[in-house]
Amino acid sequence: MTNPKLHKRVQAHQRYYTKDEVLVPGVTTICNLLGKPALYNWYNRLGLEGIVGSKYVDELADIGTLAHEYISYDLKGETPPDEMLDDYTKHQIDSAQPCIEKFNSWKLNNKLKPILIETGLISEKYKYGGTLDLYCELNGKKTLLDWKTGSGFYEGHKVQLAANKHLLEENGHKVEECRLLGIGRNEKEETHESLVNSMDLRFKKFLNLLEVYYINRELKV
């Protein structure tokens, strides 16, 4: 049970409940248990350049969130509400525009038919929930698509995709391909796409992380 009308920045703290109203963790929470060495190195480079890492990353995250919201509304054929922009600065609004334009350019070069957009699903079997970016027919194939603003993909993104793939399949949806779409935030960052394989192994990794989460919760650590 989820609320699909919540904005993306609220969904980061989305609560998921089973049919028996048992609170279960979200995919993002579980995947955050993975180590992120590439991100740690990036933080270190920012520090050497005199940039406050947390503030810089929060700014990029807000820009990405706003672009994400615009794209989701566009895929639904809806106009974003004016009040949506109240949470953002002019700089963030201006900075989100290149992402939106690059996504629209990518969309024009692909045959895309949305099926589920920003949809929350629950695994009653494994006791976790997640919110999909997009489940669609992409160039004739039933595809789970997750998009990120920025220049790279990390293993956590791929594990998250595997967990969301299972959510779709457990809830009766066929998945033929899983893809990550990277949307550049400026002229230096190109739009790039990756077909993600080894989904069974990555889902196994996710289940191991899920077990660690529940052990930690029992230990209260």
N, C-alpha and C. Protein backbone atom coordinates (compact mmCIF):
# COMPACT_ATOMS: atom_id res chain seq x y z
N MET A 1 0.84 -1.18 0.00
CA MET A 1 0.00 0.00 0.00
C MET A 1 0.88 1.24 0.00
N THR A 2 0.85 2.03 -1.05
CA THR A 2 1.67 3.23 -1.15
C THR A 2 0.81 4.34 -1.72
N ASN A 3 1.33 5.56 -1.65
CA ASN A 3 0.63 6.71 -2.20
C ASN A 3 1.40 7.22 -3.40
N PRO A 4 0.94 6.91 -4.64
CA PRO A 4 1.69 7.29 -5.84
C PRO A 4 1.66 8.78 -6.10
N LYS A 5 0.81 9.55 -5.39
CA LYS A 5 0.72 10.98 -5.64
C LYS A 5 1.79 11.78 -4.92
N LEU A 6 2.52 11.13 -4.01
CA LEU A 6 3.56 11.83 -3.28
C LEU A 6 4.70 12.21 -4.20
N HIS A 7 5.26 13.40 -3.96
CA HIS A 7 6.41 13.84 -4.75
C HIS A 7 7.61 12.95 -4.48
N LYS A 8 8.55 12.97 -5.41
CA LYS A 8 9.70 12.08 -5.33
C LYS A 8 10.51 12.30 -4.05
N ARG A 9 10.67 13.56 -3.61
CA ARG A 9 11.48 13.81 -2.43
C ARG A 9 10.78 13.29 -1.18
N VAL A 10 9.46 13.19 -1.24
CA VAL A 10 8.73 12.58 -0.13
C VAL A 10 8.84 11.07 -0.21
N GLN A 11 8.87 10.53 -1.45
CA GLN A 11 8.94 9.09 -1.62
C GLN A 11 10.25 8.51 -1.13
N ALA A 12 11.26 9.37 -0.97
CA ALA A 12 12.52 8.87 -0.42
C ALA A 12 12.30 8.34 0.99
N HIS A 13 11.24 8.80 1.65
CA HIS A 13 10.90 8.35 3.00
C HIS A 13 9.57 7.60 2.99
N GLN A 14 9.20 7.08 1.83
CA GLN A 14 7.94 6.36 1.68
C GLN A 14 7.88 5.14 2.60
N ARG A 15 6.73 4.92 3.18
CA ARG A 15 6.54 3.73 4.01
C ARG A 15 5.75 2.69 3.22
N TYR A 16 6.14 1.45 3.36
CA TYR A 16 5.49 0.36 2.64
C TYR A 16 4.90 -0.63 3.64
N TYR A 17 3.66 -1.06 3.35
CA TYR A 17 2.96 -1.97 4.24
C TYR A 17 2.43 -3.18 3.45
N THR A 18 2.52 -4.34 4.05
CA THR A 18 1.95 -5.54 3.45
C THR A 18 0.43 -5.51 3.58
N LYS A 19 -0.22 -6.52 3.02
CA LYS A 19 -1.68 -6.61 3.12
C LYS A 19 -2.13 -6.73 4.57
N ASP A 20 -1.25 -7.28 5.41
CA ASP A 20 -1.56 -7.41 6.85
C ASP A 20 -1.14 -6.17 7.63
N GLU A 21 -0.82 -5.10 6.90
CA GLU A 21 -0.44 -3.82 7.50
C GLU A 21 0.84 -3.92 8.34
N VAL A 22 1.76 -4.76 7.87
CA VAL A 22 3.08 -4.86 8.49
C VAL A 22 4.03 -3.92 7.75
N LEU A 23 4.72 -3.06 8.50
CA LEU A 23 5.67 -2.13 7.89
C LEU A 23 6.90 -2.89 7.40
N VAL A 24 7.28 -2.68 6.12
CA VAL A 24 8.45 -3.35 5.56
C VAL A 24 9.38 -2.29 4.95
N PRO A 25 10.67 -2.62 4.82
CA PRO A 25 11.63 -1.64 4.29
C PRO A 25 11.47 -1.44 2.78
N GLY A 26 11.98 -0.30 2.30
CA GLY A 26 11.98 -0.01 0.88
C GLY A 26 13.27 -0.43 0.21
N VAL A 27 13.23 -0.58 -1.08
CA VAL A 27 14.40 -1.01 -1.86
C VAL A 27 15.58 -0.07 -1.65
N THR A 28 15.33 1.23 -1.67
CA THR A 28 16.42 2.19 -1.50
C THR A 28 17.12 2.02 -0.16
N THR A 29 16.33 1.83 0.90
CA THR A 29 16.91 1.62 2.23
C THR A 29 17.81 0.40 2.25
N ILE A 30 17.37 -0.68 1.63
CA ILE A 30 18.16 -1.92 1.61
C ILE A 30 19.44 -1.73 0.79
N CYS A 31 19.32 -1.11 -0.37
CA CYS A 31 20.50 -0.93 -1.24
C CYS A 31 21.52 0.02 -0.63
N ASN A 32 21.09 0.88 0.28
CA ASN A 32 22.04 1.78 0.95
C ASN A 32 23.01 1.03 1.86
N LEU A 33 22.73 -0.26 2.12
CA LEU A 33 23.65 -1.06 2.91
C LEU A 33 24.90 -1.46 2.12
N LEU A 34 24.83 -1.30 0.80
CA LEU A 34 25.99 -1.60 -0.04
C LEU A 34 27.06 -0.54 0.14
N GLY A 35 28.31 -0.93 0.11
CA GLY A 35 29.40 0.04 0.11
C GLY A 35 29.44 0.81 -1.20
N LYS A 36 29.94 2.06 -1.15
CA LYS A 36 29.97 2.91 -2.34
C LYS A 36 31.37 3.52 -2.49
N PRO A 37 32.37 2.70 -2.80
CA PRO A 37 33.75 3.21 -2.88
C PRO A 37 33.93 4.31 -3.92
N ALA A 38 33.23 4.21 -5.06
CA ALA A 38 33.37 5.23 -6.10
C ALA A 38 32.87 6.59 -5.59
N LEU A 39 31.79 6.56 -4.82
CA LEU A 39 31.26 7.81 -4.28
C LEU A 39 32.20 8.39 -3.22
N TYR A 40 32.81 7.50 -2.42
CA TYR A 40 33.74 7.98 -1.40
C TYR A 40 34.93 8.69 -2.05
N ASN A 41 35.41 8.12 -3.16
CA ASN A 41 36.53 8.75 -3.87
C ASN A 41 36.12 10.11 -4.43
N TRP A 42 34.88 10.18 -4.91
CA TRP A 42 34.37 11.44 -5.46
C TRP A 42 34.28 12.50 -4.37
N TYR A 43 33.78 12.11 -3.20
CA TYR A 43 33.72 13.03 -2.06
C TYR A 43 35.12 13.54 -1.72
N ASN A 44 36.09 12.66 -1.76
CA ASN A 44 37.46 13.05 -1.45
C ASN A 44 37.98 14.08 -2.44
N ARG A 45 37.68 13.87 -3.74
CA ARG A 45 38.11 14.84 -4.76
C ARG A 45 37.45 16.20 -4.54
N LEU A 46 36.18 16.18 -4.16
CA LEU A 46 35.48 17.44 -3.88
C LEU A 46 36.16 18.18 -2.74
N GLY A 47 36.52 17.44 -1.70
CA GLY A 47 37.18 18.06 -0.55
C GLY A 47 38.51 18.68 -0.93
N LEU A 48 39.28 18.00 -1.78
CA LEU A 48 40.57 18.52 -2.22
C LEU A 48 40.40 19.80 -3.05
N GLU A 49 39.22 19.94 -3.68
CA GLU A 49 38.93 21.14 -4.47
C GLU A 49 38.28 22.24 -3.63
N GLY A 50 38.14 21.98 -2.33
CA GLY A 50 37.56 22.99 -1.45
C GLY A 50 36.06 23.08 -1.49
N ILE A 51 35.40 22.03 -1.99
CA ILE A 51 33.94 22.01 -2.10
C ILE A 51 33.37 21.22 -0.93
N VAL A 52 32.36 21.79 -0.27
CA VAL A 52 31.70 21.09 0.83
C VAL A 52 30.83 19.99 0.23
N GLY A 53 31.25 18.75 0.41
CA GLY A 53 30.63 17.62 -0.28
C GLY A 53 29.15 17.48 -0.02
N SER A 54 28.71 17.56 1.23
CA SER A 54 27.30 17.32 1.56
C SER A 54 26.39 18.35 0.90
N LYS A 55 26.79 19.62 0.95
CA LYS A 55 25.96 20.67 0.34
C LYS A 55 25.91 20.51 -1.18
N TYR A 56 27.05 20.19 -1.77
CA TYR A 56 27.13 20.03 -3.22
C TYR A 56 26.27 18.87 -3.69
N VAL A 57 26.36 17.75 -2.98
CA VAL A 57 25.59 16.56 -3.34
C VAL A 57 24.10 16.80 -3.14
N ASP A 58 23.72 17.48 -2.06
CA ASP A 58 22.31 17.79 -1.82
C ASP A 58 21.75 18.66 -2.95
N GLU A 59 22.56 19.61 -3.42
CA GLU A 59 22.12 20.48 -4.51
C GLU A 59 21.89 19.66 -5.79
N LEU A 60 22.84 18.78 -6.11
CA LEU A 60 22.69 17.93 -7.29
C LEU A 60 21.48 17.01 -7.15
N ALA A 61 21.26 16.50 -5.94
CA ALA A 61 20.13 15.61 -5.70
C ALA A 61 18.80 16.33 -5.92
N ASP A 62 18.72 17.58 -5.46
CA ASP A 62 17.48 18.34 -5.65
C ASP A 62 17.23 18.64 -7.13
N ILE A 63 18.29 18.95 -7.86
CA ILE A 63 18.16 19.19 -9.30
C ILE A 63 17.66 17.92 -9.99
N GLY A 64 18.25 16.79 -9.61
CA GLY A 64 17.83 15.51 -10.20
C GLY A 64 16.40 15.16 -9.84
N THR A 65 16.00 15.46 -8.61
CA THR A 65 14.63 15.17 -8.17
C THR A 65 13.63 15.99 -8.97
N LEU A 66 13.94 17.28 -9.17
CA LEU A 66 13.03 18.13 -9.93
C LEU A 66 12.90 17.65 -11.37
N ALA A 67 14.03 17.31 -12.00
CA ALA A 67 13.99 16.79 -13.37
C ALA A 67 13.16 15.51 -13.42
N HIS A 68 13.34 14.66 -12.40
CA HIS A 68 12.60 13.40 -12.31
C HIS A 68 11.10 13.67 -12.27
N GLU A 69 10.69 14.64 -11.48
CA GLU A 69 9.27 14.95 -11.35
C GLU A 69 8.69 15.46 -12.67
N TYR A 70 9.43 16.35 -13.33
CA TYR A 70 8.97 16.86 -14.62
C TYR A 70 8.78 15.72 -15.62
N ILE A 71 9.76 14.84 -15.69
CA ILE A 71 9.70 13.72 -16.63
C ILE A 71 8.51 12.82 -16.33
N SER A 72 8.27 12.54 -15.05
CA SER A 72 7.16 11.67 -14.67
C SER A 72 5.82 12.28 -15.06
N TYR A 73 5.66 13.57 -14.82
CA TYR A 73 4.41 14.24 -15.22
C TYR A 73 4.24 14.20 -16.72
N ASP A 74 5.33 14.42 -17.46
CA ASP A 74 5.26 14.40 -18.92
C ASP A 74 4.84 13.02 -19.43
N LEU A 75 5.40 11.96 -18.85
CA LEU A 75 5.06 10.61 -19.27
C LEU A 75 3.59 10.28 -19.00
N LYS A 76 3.05 10.89 -17.95
CA LYS A 76 1.63 10.69 -17.62
C LYS A 76 0.71 11.56 -18.47
N GLY A 77 1.30 12.48 -19.25
CA GLY A 77 0.50 13.40 -20.04
C GLY A 77 -0.14 14.47 -19.19
N GLU A 78 0.50 14.80 -18.06
CA GLU A 78 -0.05 15.77 -17.13
C GLU A 78 0.87 16.99 -17.03
N THR A 79 0.29 18.12 -16.59
CA THR A 79 1.05 19.34 -16.37
C THR A 79 1.45 19.41 -14.90
N PRO A 80 2.72 19.62 -14.60
CA PRO A 80 3.13 19.72 -13.19
C PRO A 80 2.41 20.86 -12.49
N PRO A 81 2.00 20.68 -11.25
CA PRO A 81 1.34 21.77 -10.52
C PRO A 81 2.32 22.89 -10.22
N ASP A 82 1.85 24.12 -10.25
CA ASP A 82 2.72 25.27 -10.01
C ASP A 82 3.40 25.19 -8.65
N GLU A 83 2.68 24.67 -7.65
CA GLU A 83 3.25 24.63 -6.30
C GLU A 83 4.42 23.66 -6.19
N MET A 84 4.60 22.78 -7.18
CA MET A 84 5.72 21.86 -7.15
C MET A 84 7.05 22.61 -7.11
N LEU A 85 7.09 23.76 -7.76
CA LEU A 85 8.32 24.53 -7.85
C LEU A 85 8.64 25.30 -6.57
N ASP A 86 7.68 25.36 -5.65
CA ASP A 86 7.90 26.13 -4.42
C ASP A 86 9.04 25.55 -3.58
N ASP A 87 9.33 24.26 -3.76
CA ASP A 87 10.38 23.61 -2.98
C ASP A 87 11.78 23.83 -3.55
N TYR A 88 11.87 24.52 -4.70
CA TYR A 88 13.14 24.61 -5.39
C TYR A 88 13.57 26.06 -5.63
N THR A 89 14.90 26.25 -5.73
CA THR A 89 15.45 27.57 -6.03
C THR A 89 15.45 27.80 -7.55
N LYS A 90 15.63 29.05 -7.94
CA LYS A 90 15.69 29.37 -9.36
C LYS A 90 16.86 28.64 -10.02
N HIS A 91 17.99 28.56 -9.30
CA HIS A 91 19.15 27.86 -9.86
C HIS A 91 18.83 26.39 -10.10
N GLN A 92 18.13 25.76 -9.17
CA GLN A 92 17.77 24.35 -9.33
C GLN A 92 16.81 24.16 -10.50
N ILE A 93 15.86 25.07 -10.63
CA ILE A 93 14.88 24.99 -11.73
C ILE A 93 15.59 25.14 -13.07
N ASP A 94 16.49 26.14 -13.16
CA ASP A 94 17.23 26.35 -14.41
C ASP A 94 18.15 25.16 -14.72
N SER A 95 18.75 24.59 -13.68
CA SER A 95 19.70 23.49 -13.87
C SER A 95 19.02 22.19 -14.27
N ALA A 96 17.73 22.06 -13.94
CA ALA A 96 17.00 20.85 -14.29
C ALA A 96 16.62 20.81 -15.77
N GLN A 97 16.59 21.97 -16.41
CA GLN A 97 16.12 22.04 -17.79
C GLN A 97 16.94 21.20 -18.76
N PRO A 98 18.29 21.22 -18.69
CA PRO A 98 19.07 20.37 -19.62
C PRO A 98 18.73 18.89 -19.47
N CYS A 99 18.47 18.44 -18.24
CA CYS A 99 18.11 17.03 -18.02
C CYS A 99 16.80 16.71 -18.73
N ILE A 100 15.83 17.59 -18.58
CA ILE A 100 14.51 17.38 -19.18
C ILE A 100 14.64 17.35 -20.71
N GLU A 101 15.41 18.29 -21.24
CA GLU A 101 15.58 18.35 -22.69
C GLU A 101 16.28 17.11 -23.23
N LYS A 102 17.27 16.61 -22.48
CA LYS A 102 17.99 15.41 -22.94
C LYS A 102 17.11 14.17 -22.87
N PHE A 103 16.26 14.10 -21.84
CA PHE A 103 15.33 12.97 -21.78
C PHE A 103 14.36 13.03 -22.96
N ASN A 104 13.83 14.21 -23.24
CA ASN A 104 12.89 14.35 -24.36
C ASN A 104 13.54 13.98 -25.68
N SER A 105 14.81 14.34 -25.84
CA SER A 105 15.53 13.97 -27.06
C SER A 105 15.68 12.45 -27.15
N TRP A 106 16.02 11.81 -26.03
CA TRP A 106 16.12 10.34 -26.01
C TRP A 106 14.78 9.71 -26.34
N LYS A 107 13.72 10.25 -25.78
CA LYS A 107 12.38 9.68 -25.99
C LYS A 107 11.98 9.75 -27.47
N LEU A 108 12.35 10.82 -28.14
CA LEU A 108 12.01 10.97 -29.56
C LEU A 108 12.67 9.91 -30.43
N ASN A 109 13.80 9.38 -29.96
CA ASN A 109 14.54 8.38 -30.73
C ASN A 109 14.19 6.95 -30.36
N ASN A 110 13.17 6.79 -29.50
CA ASN A 110 12.75 5.46 -29.07
C ASN A 110 11.22 5.36 -29.09
N LYS A 111 10.74 4.15 -29.31
CA LYS A 111 9.31 3.90 -29.28
C LYS A 111 8.92 3.52 -27.85
N LEU A 112 8.25 4.44 -27.17
CA LEU A 112 8.00 4.29 -25.74
C LEU A 112 6.50 4.32 -25.45
N LYS A 113 6.03 3.29 -24.74
CA LYS A 113 4.64 3.23 -24.32
C LYS A 113 4.59 2.94 -22.82
N PRO A 114 4.37 3.98 -21.99
CA PRO A 114 4.34 3.77 -20.54
C PRO A 114 3.21 2.84 -20.11
N ILE A 115 3.50 2.01 -19.11
CA ILE A 115 2.50 1.13 -18.51
C ILE A 115 2.28 1.50 -17.04
N LEU A 116 3.39 1.57 -16.28
CA LEU A 116 3.34 2.00 -14.88
C LEU A 116 4.38 3.09 -14.67
N ILE A 117 3.97 4.20 -14.08
CA ILE A 117 4.86 5.34 -13.83
C ILE A 117 4.84 5.67 -12.35
N GLU A 118 6.03 5.71 -11.74
CA GLU A 118 6.13 6.05 -10.32
C GLU A 118 5.14 5.24 -9.49
N THR A 119 5.17 3.95 -9.67
CA THR A 119 4.20 3.06 -9.02
C THR A 119 4.86 2.28 -7.89
N GLY A 120 4.22 2.31 -6.72
CA GLY A 120 4.71 1.56 -5.58
C GLY A 120 4.18 0.14 -5.57
N LEU A 121 5.05 -0.83 -5.30
CA LEU A 121 4.66 -2.23 -5.25
C LEU A 121 5.24 -2.88 -3.99
N ILE A 122 4.61 -3.97 -3.57
CA ILE A 122 5.03 -4.69 -2.37
C ILE A 122 5.33 -6.15 -2.72
N SER A 123 6.38 -6.69 -2.12
CA SER A 123 6.63 -8.13 -2.18
C SER A 123 6.11 -8.74 -0.88
N GLU A 124 4.99 -9.45 -1.00
CA GLU A 124 4.44 -10.15 0.17
C GLU A 124 5.32 -11.33 0.55
N LYS A 125 6.01 -11.88 -0.46
CA LYS A 125 6.86 -13.05 -0.22
C LYS A 125 8.10 -12.69 0.58
N TYR A 126 8.79 -11.62 0.16
CA TYR A 126 10.07 -11.28 0.79
C TYR A 126 9.98 -10.10 1.76
N LYS A 127 8.82 -9.48 1.85
CA LYS A 127 8.58 -8.41 2.82
C LYS A 127 9.45 -7.17 2.57
N TYR A 128 9.27 -6.58 1.40
CA TYR A 128 9.88 -5.28 1.11
C TYR A 128 9.02 -4.58 0.06
N GLY A 129 9.25 -3.29 -0.11
CA GLY A 129 8.50 -2.53 -1.09
C GLY A 129 9.42 -1.65 -1.91
N GLY A 130 8.89 -1.08 -2.97
CA GLY A 130 9.69 -0.20 -3.81
C GLY A 130 8.81 0.58 -4.76
N THR A 131 9.34 1.70 -5.25
CA THR A 131 8.62 2.53 -6.21
C THR A 131 9.40 2.56 -7.52
N LEU A 132 8.76 2.10 -8.58
CA LEU A 132 9.39 2.03 -9.90
C LEU A 132 9.45 3.40 -10.54
N ASP A 133 10.50 3.66 -11.30
CA ASP A 133 10.50 4.84 -12.15
C ASP A 133 9.52 4.65 -13.30
N LEU A 134 9.77 3.58 -14.08
CA LEU A 134 8.93 3.36 -15.26
C LEU A 134 8.96 1.90 -15.69
N TYR A 135 7.77 1.36 -15.90
CA TYR A 135 7.62 0.05 -16.55
C TYR A 135 6.87 0.34 -17.84
N CYS A 136 7.42 -0.12 -18.96
CA CYS A 136 6.89 0.32 -20.25
C CYS A 136 7.16 -0.71 -21.33
N GLU A 137 6.59 -0.46 -22.49
CA GLU A 137 7.02 -1.13 -23.71
C GLU A 137 8.02 -0.20 -24.37
N LEU A 138 9.27 -0.64 -24.46
CA LEU A 138 10.32 0.16 -25.06
C LEU A 138 10.82 -0.57 -26.30
N ASN A 139 10.57 0.03 -27.44
CA ASN A 139 10.95 -0.58 -28.72
C ASN A 139 10.45 -2.02 -28.81
N GLY A 140 9.22 -2.22 -28.34
CA GLY A 140 8.53 -3.50 -28.49
C GLY A 140 8.77 -4.50 -27.38
N LYS A 141 9.57 -4.14 -26.35
CA LYS A 141 9.86 -5.08 -25.27
C LYS A 141 9.38 -4.53 -23.93
N LYS A 142 8.80 -5.42 -23.10
CA LYS A 142 8.38 -5.03 -21.76
C LYS A 142 9.63 -4.74 -20.93
N THR A 143 9.78 -3.48 -20.56
CA THR A 143 11.04 -3.01 -20.00
C THR A 143 10.85 -2.30 -18.67
N LEU A 144 11.72 -2.60 -17.73
CA LEU A 144 11.84 -1.83 -16.51
C LEU A 144 12.95 -0.82 -16.72
N LEU A 145 12.62 0.46 -16.60
CA LEU A 145 13.57 1.53 -16.88
C LEU A 145 13.72 2.42 -15.65
N ASP A 146 14.95 2.62 -15.25
CA ASP A 146 15.24 3.53 -14.15
C ASP A 146 16.18 4.59 -14.69
N TRP A 147 15.89 5.87 -14.45
CA TRP A 147 16.78 6.90 -14.95
C TRP A 147 17.44 7.67 -13.82
N LYS A 148 18.69 8.05 -14.08
CA LYS A 148 19.49 8.77 -13.12
C LYS A 148 20.06 10.01 -13.80
N THR A 149 20.14 11.11 -13.06
CA THR A 149 20.83 12.29 -13.57
C THR A 149 22.28 12.20 -13.13
N GLY A 150 23.19 12.37 -14.08
CA GLY A 150 24.60 12.27 -13.75
C GLY A 150 25.36 11.48 -14.79
N SER A 151 26.60 11.17 -14.48
CA SER A 151 27.48 10.60 -15.49
C SER A 151 27.78 9.12 -15.33
N GLY A 152 27.32 8.49 -14.23
CA GLY A 152 27.70 7.10 -14.04
C GLY A 152 26.64 6.26 -13.37
N PHE A 153 26.79 4.95 -13.53
CA PHE A 153 25.94 3.98 -12.85
C PHE A 153 26.79 3.21 -11.84
N TYR A 154 26.17 2.85 -10.73
CA TYR A 154 26.86 2.11 -9.69
C TYR A 154 26.19 0.76 -9.48
N GLU A 155 26.88 -0.13 -8.80
CA GLU A 155 26.32 -1.45 -8.55
C GLU A 155 25.01 -1.36 -7.78
N GLY A 156 24.92 -0.40 -6.88
CA GLY A 156 23.67 -0.22 -6.13
C GLY A 156 22.49 0.06 -7.03
N HIS A 157 22.70 0.81 -8.11
CA HIS A 157 21.63 1.06 -9.07
C HIS A 157 21.14 -0.24 -9.71
N LYS A 158 22.09 -1.13 -10.00
CA LYS A 158 21.75 -2.39 -10.67
C LYS A 158 21.06 -3.36 -9.73
N VAL A 159 21.49 -3.37 -8.47
CA VAL A 159 20.84 -4.21 -7.47
C VAL A 159 19.41 -3.71 -7.23
N GLN A 160 19.25 -2.40 -7.18
CA GLN A 160 17.92 -1.81 -7.03
C GLN A 160 17.02 -2.21 -8.18
N LEU A 161 17.56 -2.21 -9.38
CA LEU A 161 16.80 -2.60 -10.56
C LEU A 161 16.34 -4.06 -10.45
N ALA A 162 17.24 -4.92 -9.96
CA ALA A 162 16.89 -6.33 -9.80
C ALA A 162 15.77 -6.51 -8.78
N ALA A 163 15.82 -5.75 -7.69
CA ALA A 163 14.77 -5.82 -6.68
C ALA A 163 13.44 -5.35 -7.24
N ASN A 164 13.47 -4.29 -8.03
CA ASN A 164 12.23 -3.78 -8.64
C ASN A 164 11.69 -4.74 -9.70
N LYS A 165 12.60 -5.40 -10.40
CA LYS A 165 12.17 -6.40 -11.38
C LYS A 165 11.36 -7.50 -10.68
N HIS A 166 11.85 -7.96 -9.54
CA HIS A 166 11.10 -8.98 -8.81
C HIS A 166 9.74 -8.45 -8.36
N LEU A 167 9.68 -7.20 -7.92
CA LEU A 167 8.39 -6.63 -7.51
C LEU A 167 7.39 -6.69 -8.66
N LEU A 168 7.84 -6.35 -9.84
CA LEU A 168 6.95 -6.42 -11.01
C LEU A 168 6.49 -7.85 -11.26
N GLU A 169 7.43 -8.79 -11.26
CA GLU A 169 7.11 -10.18 -11.59
C GLU A 169 6.21 -10.81 -10.53
N GLU A 170 6.48 -10.52 -9.27
CA GLU A 170 5.64 -11.07 -8.21
C GLU A 170 4.20 -10.54 -8.31
N ASN A 171 4.07 -9.33 -8.86
CA ASN A 171 2.75 -8.72 -9.01
C ASN A 171 2.16 -8.93 -10.40
N GLY A 172 2.69 -9.91 -11.13
CA GLY A 172 2.04 -10.36 -12.36
C GLY A 172 2.46 -9.67 -13.64
N HIS A 173 3.58 -8.96 -13.65
CA HIS A 173 4.02 -8.25 -14.84
C HIS A 173 5.25 -8.93 -15.46
N LYS A 174 5.24 -9.08 -16.75
CA LYS A 174 6.36 -9.68 -17.47
C LYS A 174 7.44 -8.63 -17.69
N VAL A 175 8.70 -9.02 -17.46
CA VAL A 175 9.83 -8.12 -17.69
C VAL A 175 10.80 -8.79 -18.65
N GLU A 176 11.00 -8.19 -19.82
CA GLU A 176 11.91 -8.74 -20.82
C GLU A 176 13.29 -8.11 -20.77
N GLU A 177 13.35 -6.84 -20.39
CA GLU A 177 14.63 -6.15 -20.28
C GLU A 177 14.62 -5.19 -19.09
N CYS A 178 15.82 -4.98 -18.56
CA CYS A 178 16.01 -4.00 -17.49
C CYS A 178 17.08 -3.02 -17.95
N ARG A 179 16.78 -1.74 -17.90
CA ARG A 179 17.70 -0.75 -18.41
C ARG A 179 17.88 0.42 -17.44
N LEU A 180 19.09 0.97 -17.44
CA LEU A 180 19.39 2.21 -16.74
C LEU A 180 19.63 3.29 -17.78
N LEU A 181 19.07 4.47 -17.54
CA LEU A 181 19.26 5.60 -18.44
C LEU A 181 19.90 6.73 -17.65
N GLY A 182 21.08 7.14 -18.09
CA GLY A 182 21.79 8.25 -17.46
C GLY A 182 21.54 9.52 -18.24
N ILE A 183 21.03 10.54 -17.54
CA ILE A 183 20.68 11.80 -18.20
C ILE A 183 21.67 12.87 -17.76
N GLY A 184 22.42 13.39 -18.69
CA GLY A 184 23.43 14.39 -18.37
C GLY A 184 22.81 15.68 -17.85
N ARG A 185 23.52 16.31 -16.89
CA ARG A 185 23.03 17.55 -16.28
C ARG A 185 23.56 18.79 -16.98
N ASN A 186 24.53 18.62 -17.87
CA ASN A 186 25.12 19.76 -18.57
C ASN A 186 25.71 19.28 -19.89
N GLU A 187 26.38 20.21 -20.60
CA GLU A 187 26.89 19.88 -21.93
C GLU A 187 28.03 18.86 -21.87
N LYS A 188 28.67 18.71 -20.72
CA LYS A 188 29.77 17.76 -20.59
C LYS A 188 29.29 16.33 -20.33
N GLU A 189 28.08 16.17 -19.83
CA GLU A 189 27.54 14.86 -19.48
C GLU A 189 26.56 14.39 -20.55
N GLU A 190 26.91 13.35 -21.25
CA GLU A 190 26.06 12.84 -22.31
C GLU A 190 24.99 11.90 -21.76
N THR A 191 23.90 11.77 -22.48
CA THR A 191 22.89 10.76 -22.16
C THR A 191 23.45 9.39 -22.52
N HIS A 192 23.35 8.46 -21.60
CA HIS A 192 23.90 7.13 -21.85
C HIS A 192 22.93 6.08 -21.28
N GLU A 193 22.99 4.89 -21.86
CA GLU A 193 22.01 3.85 -21.54
C GLU A 193 22.73 2.53 -21.34
N SER A 194 22.23 1.71 -20.42
CA SER A 194 22.86 0.43 -20.15
C SER A 194 21.80 -0.66 -19.98
N LEU A 195 21.97 -1.75 -20.74
CA LEU A 195 21.14 -2.93 -20.55
C LEU A 195 21.78 -3.73 -19.42
N VAL A 196 21.03 -3.96 -18.34
CA VAL A 196 21.58 -4.60 -17.14
C VAL A 196 21.24 -6.09 -17.16
N ASN A 197 22.26 -6.90 -17.06
CA ASN A 197 22.10 -8.36 -17.06
C ASN A 197 22.42 -8.94 -15.68
N SER A 198 22.51 -10.27 -15.61
CA SER A 198 22.80 -10.98 -14.35
C SER A 198 21.82 -10.58 -13.25
N MET A 199 20.54 -10.45 -13.62
CA MET A 199 19.55 -9.97 -12.66
C MET A 199 19.29 -10.98 -11.55
N ASP A 200 19.37 -12.28 -11.86
CA ASP A 200 19.14 -13.29 -10.81
C ASP A 200 20.22 -13.19 -9.73
N LEU A 201 21.47 -13.01 -10.14
CA LEU A 201 22.55 -12.88 -9.17
C LEU A 201 22.40 -11.60 -8.35
N ARG A 202 22.02 -10.54 -9.02
CA ARG A 202 21.87 -9.27 -8.31
C ARG A 202 20.67 -9.30 -7.36
N PHE A 203 19.63 -10.03 -7.72
CA PHE A 203 18.52 -10.17 -6.80
C PHE A 203 18.93 -11.00 -5.59
N LYS A 204 19.78 -12.00 -5.83
CA LYS A 204 20.30 -12.80 -4.72
C LYS A 204 21.11 -11.90 -3.77
N LYS A 205 21.89 -10.99 -4.35
CA LYS A 205 22.64 -10.03 -3.53
C LYS A 205 21.68 -9.16 -2.73
N PHE A 206 20.60 -8.72 -3.37
CA PHE A 206 19.61 -7.91 -2.67
C PHE A 206 18.99 -8.67 -1.50
N LEU A 207 18.66 -9.94 -1.71
CA LEU A 207 18.07 -10.74 -0.63
C LEU A 207 19.04 -10.90 0.54
N ASN A 208 20.33 -11.01 0.25
CA ASN A 208 21.32 -11.06 1.32
C ASN A 208 21.34 -9.75 2.11
N LEU A 209 21.26 -8.64 1.39
CA LEU A 209 21.20 -7.33 2.06
C LEU A 209 19.92 -7.20 2.89
N LEU A 210 18.83 -7.73 2.35
CA LEU A 210 17.55 -7.68 3.06
C LEU A 210 17.64 -8.47 4.36
N GLU A 211 18.31 -9.60 4.31
CA GLU A 211 18.49 -10.40 5.52
C GLU A 211 19.33 -9.65 6.55
N VAL A 212 20.38 -8.97 6.08
CA VAL A 212 21.20 -8.16 6.98
C VAL A 212 20.37 -7.06 7.63
N TYR A 213 19.51 -6.44 6.82
CA TYR A 213 18.64 -5.38 7.37
C TYR A 213 17.78 -5.91 8.51
N TYR A 214 17.14 -7.05 8.30
CA TYR A 214 16.26 -7.59 9.33
C TYR A 214 17.05 -8.06 10.56
N ILE A 215 18.27 -8.57 10.34
CA ILE A 215 19.11 -8.95 11.49
C ILE A 215 19.49 -7.71 12.28
N ASN A 216 19.87 -6.64 11.57
CA ASN A 216 20.23 -5.38 12.25
C ASN A 216 19.04 -4.82 13.04
N ARG A 217 17.86 -4.95 12.44
CA ARG A 217 16.67 -4.43 13.13
C ARG A 217 16.40 -5.22 14.42
N GLU A 218 16.63 -6.54 14.34
CA GLU A 218 16.43 -7.36 15.53
C GLU A 218 17.48 -7.05 16.59
N LEU A 219 18.71 -6.77 16.13
CA LEU A 219 19.79 -6.43 17.06
C LEU A 219 19.70 -4.98 17.53
N LYS A 220 18.86 -4.19 16.84
CA LYS A 220 18.69 -2.76 17.14
C LYS A 220 20.00 -2.00 16.95
N VAL A 221 20.66 -2.30 15.81
CA VAL A 221 21.91 -1.60 15.48
C VAL A 221 21.74 -0.87 14.15
